[in-house]
Amino acid sequence: MDSSGQALVNLSDRVPELYGSRVASISWSPDGTLMVIAASLPESYWDGIHVLNPLTLELTTITTEQGSNFTPTLGPPR
């Protein structure tokens, strides 16, 4: 598995721990952007992920300076 796949696995493993089933899917785009589709997230969110609309199904993105080789670090919900 390449490093981008590993980073995706690491983040995927942590999301249910923090937010249960409210995250519908997580994937990397070819340009190194992490895409999170959130069915419902609280108004508070962890550092590095910006929830555009926490009440509806919405595409949320993280663009990392390091691109797809960066492993996001999740903190507690704010």
Protein backbone atom coordinates (compact mmCIF):
# COMPACT_ATOMS: atom_id res chain seq x y z
CA MET A 1 0.00 0.00 0.00
CA ASP A 2 1.33 3.44 -0.83
CA SER A 3 1.56 6.19 1.76
CA SER A 4 -1.61 7.97 0.60
CA GLY A 5 -3.58 4.75 1.04
CA GLN A 6 -2.08 4.27 4.48
CA ALA A 7 -3.04 7.81 5.51
CA LEU A 8 -6.59 7.17 4.33
CA VAL A 9 -6.77 3.97 6.38
CA ASN A 10 -5.42 5.75 9.46
CA LEU A 11 -8.01 8.52 9.19
CA SER A 12 -10.84 6.12 8.36
CA ASP A 13 -10.07 4.13 11.48
CA ARG A 14 -10.31 7.22 13.70
CA VAL A 15 -13.46 8.81 12.25
CA PRO A 16 -15.98 6.26 13.65
CA GLU A 17 -14.27 6.54 17.04
CA LEU A 18 -14.87 10.29 17.07
CA TYR A 19 -18.15 10.67 15.19
CA GLY A 20 -19.76 7.26 14.82
CA SER A 21 -21.69 6.66 11.62
CA ARG A 22 -22.17 10.31 10.76
CA VAL A 23 -19.38 10.25 8.18
CA ALA A 24 -20.58 8.61 4.98
CA SER A 25 -17.29 8.24 3.11
CA ILE A 26 -13.66 9.33 2.98
CA SER A 27 -11.44 9.28 -0.11
CA TRP A 28 -8.35 10.87 -1.64
CA SER A 29 -8.72 12.82 -4.86
CA PRO A 30 -5.91 12.59 -7.46
CA ASP A 31 -4.63 16.08 -6.51
CA GLY A 32 -3.96 15.03 -2.92
CA THR A 33 -7.13 16.47 -1.42
CA LEU A 34 -8.86 14.39 1.21
CA MET A 35 -12.61 14.31 0.61
CA VAL A 36 -15.00 13.61 3.46
CA ILE A 37 -18.72 13.29 2.79
CA ALA A 38 -20.50 13.92 6.05
CA ALA A 39 -24.12 12.99 6.45
CA SER A 40 -24.34 14.85 9.74
CA LEU A 41 -21.62 16.37 11.88
CA PRO A 42 -21.87 18.56 14.97
CA GLU A 43 -21.06 22.23 14.64
CA SER A 44 -17.82 21.58 16.46
CA TYR A 45 -15.28 19.72 14.37
CA TRP A 46 -11.72 18.53 14.68
CA ASP A 47 -8.75 20.64 13.59
CA GLY A 48 -7.98 20.42 9.90
CA ILE A 49 -11.43 19.47 8.68
CA HIS A 50 -13.85 22.22 7.79
CA VAL A 51 -17.50 21.19 7.70
CA LEU A 52 -19.21 23.33 5.08
CA ASN A 53 -22.73 22.41 6.21
CA PRO A 54 -22.97 20.20 9.30
CA LEU A 55 -26.70 19.57 8.91
CA THR A 56 -26.83 18.17 5.36
CA LEU A 57 -24.92 15.79 3.15
CA GLU A 58 -22.04 17.98 2.02
CA LEU A 59 -18.66 17.50 0.44
CA THR A 60 -15.95 18.63 2.83
CA THR A 61 -12.31 18.90 1.80
CA ILE A 62 -8.91 19.00 3.41
CA THR A 63 -6.05 20.21 1.23
CA THR A 64 -2.69 19.41 2.78
CA GLU A 65 0.54 21.18 1.93
CA GLN A 66 2.22 17.79 1.78
CA GLY A 67 -0.40 16.39 -0.61
CA SER A 68 -1.49 12.79 -0.37
CA ASN A 69 1.63 11.69 1.53
CA PHE A 70 0.47 13.58 4.63
CA THR A 71 -1.24 11.64 7.43
CA PRO A 72 -3.88 13.91 9.00
CA THR A 73 -3.73 14.23 12.77
CA LEU A 74 -7.12 14.19 14.42
CA GLY A 75 -7.73 16.03 17.64
CA PRO A 76 -10.79 15.99 19.87
CA PRO A 77 -13.94 17.74 18.66
CA ARG A 78 -13.96 21.44 19.46
